[in-house]
Amino acid sequence: MGEYLGRNKDSVRCRAGMIGAGLTKCGELRPGTRISDYDVRLIRALRDSDYPRRLSFREIGEKFGISEHSAHAVYYRRRTAEDAVLRELTP
């Protein structure tokens, strides 16, 4: 972004901080993302659903081909692009 604007990284980062804009990429916008935002929403829905029963992280991991630890991390820590937008808009 700095190259496009003809500015260095520090000036872009400083100005973004002054106006309250975040430069962190989240969800599918982040390079190297292995799990899509759709799958993240599905993992959260499977874990939160009480009908017919709540799935464990191990069962969710088996369904998505990831480890139990990764399923846990996706559920609690993985932010989607929608989460980032909501964070920007919430005071």
Protein backbone atom coordinates (compact mmCIF):
# COMPACT_ATOMS: atom_id res chain seq x y z
CA MET A 1 0.00 0.00 0.00
CA GLY A 2 2.87 2.34 0.81
CA GLU A 3 4.48 1.85 -2.59
CA TYR A 4 1.19 2.61 -4.32
CA LEU A 5 0.81 5.83 -2.31
CA GLY A 6 4.46 6.81 -2.57
CA ARG A 7 4.90 6.57 1.22
CA ASN A 8 6.95 4.36 3.50
CA LYS A 9 5.42 1.64 5.70
CA ASP A 10 5.74 3.61 8.92
CA SER A 11 3.83 6.63 7.63
CA VAL A 12 1.02 4.41 6.33
CA ARG A 13 0.86 2.50 9.63
CA CYS A 14 0.88 5.75 11.64
CA ARG A 15 -1.89 7.34 9.58
CA ALA A 16 -3.99 4.18 9.73
CA GLY A 17 -3.65 4.20 13.52
CA MET A 18 -4.67 7.86 13.69
CA ILE A 19 -7.90 7.27 11.78
CA GLY A 20 -8.63 3.96 13.51
CA ALA A 21 -8.18 1.72 10.47
CA GLY A 22 -6.69 -1.73 10.89
CA LEU A 23 -4.25 -3.13 8.36
CA THR A 24 -4.39 -6.72 9.56
CA LYS A 25 -5.78 -9.20 7.05
CA CYS A 26 -8.20 -11.75 8.44
CA GLY A 27 -9.94 -14.81 7.13
CA GLU A 28 -9.64 -15.68 3.47
CA LEU A 29 -7.96 -12.32 2.80
CA ARG A 30 -4.88 -13.50 4.68
CA PRO A 31 -2.26 -15.26 2.53
CA GLY A 32 -1.75 -18.92 3.35
CA THR A 33 -5.22 -19.48 4.79
CA ARG A 34 -6.04 -23.19 4.73
CA ILE A 35 -9.58 -23.13 6.10
CA SER A 36 -12.20 -21.03 4.32
CA ASP A 37 -14.47 -18.60 6.14
CA TYR A 38 -17.40 -20.81 5.17
CA ASP A 39 -15.76 -23.80 6.90
CA VAL A 40 -15.06 -21.68 9.99
CA ARG A 41 -18.75 -20.76 10.21
CA LEU A 42 -19.67 -24.42 9.73
CA ILE A 43 -17.24 -25.55 12.46
CA ARG A 44 -18.75 -23.01 14.85
CA ALA A 45 -22.28 -24.09 13.95
CA LEU A 46 -21.45 -27.78 14.49
CA ARG A 47 -19.92 -27.04 17.87
CA ASP A 48 -22.76 -24.74 18.99
CA SER A 49 -25.60 -26.99 17.81
CA ASP A 50 -27.41 -28.97 20.49
CA TYR A 51 -29.45 -30.99 17.99
CA PRO A 52 -29.06 -33.90 17.76
CA ARG A 53 -25.97 -33.36 19.96
CA ARG A 54 -22.96 -31.10 20.24
CA LEU A 55 -19.94 -32.46 18.36
CA SER A 56 -16.57 -32.67 20.08
CA PHE A 57 -13.50 -30.99 18.62
CA ARG A 58 -12.12 -34.43 17.79
CA GLU A 59 -15.21 -35.29 15.72
CA ILE A 60 -15.14 -31.91 13.98
CA GLY A 61 -11.45 -32.37 13.22
CA GLU A 62 -12.11 -35.77 11.66
CA LYS A 63 -14.82 -34.31 9.43
CA PHE A 64 -12.55 -31.51 8.16
CA GLY A 65 -9.29 -33.46 8.07
CA ILE A 66 -7.62 -31.36 10.77
CA SER A 67 -6.41 -32.14 14.28
CA GLU A 68 -8.48 -31.74 17.42
CA HIS A 69 -6.20 -28.86 18.46
CA SER A 70 -6.70 -27.11 15.10
CA ALA A 71 -10.48 -27.46 15.36
CA HIS A 72 -10.32 -25.91 18.84
CA ALA A 73 -8.14 -23.04 17.56
CA VAL A 74 -10.46 -22.40 14.61
CA TYR A 75 -13.49 -22.29 16.89
CA TYR A 76 -12.03 -19.93 19.48
CA ARG A 77 -9.37 -17.86 17.70
CA ARG A 78 -9.78 -17.84 13.91
CA ARG A 79 -11.24 -14.56 12.72
CA THR A 80 -13.12 -14.37 9.46
CA ALA A 81 -13.15 -11.42 7.09
CA GLU A 82 -16.63 -10.60 8.44
CA ASP A 83 -15.23 -10.47 11.99
CA ALA A 84 -12.60 -7.95 10.88
CA VAL A 85 -15.20 -5.71 9.24
CA LEU A 86 -17.42 -5.87 12.32
CA ARG A 87 -14.45 -4.99 14.52
CA GLU A 88 -13.70 -1.95 12.35
CA LEU A 89 -17.30 -0.71 12.48
CA THR A 90 -17.89 -1.27 16.19
CA PRO A 91 -16.84 1.68 18.40
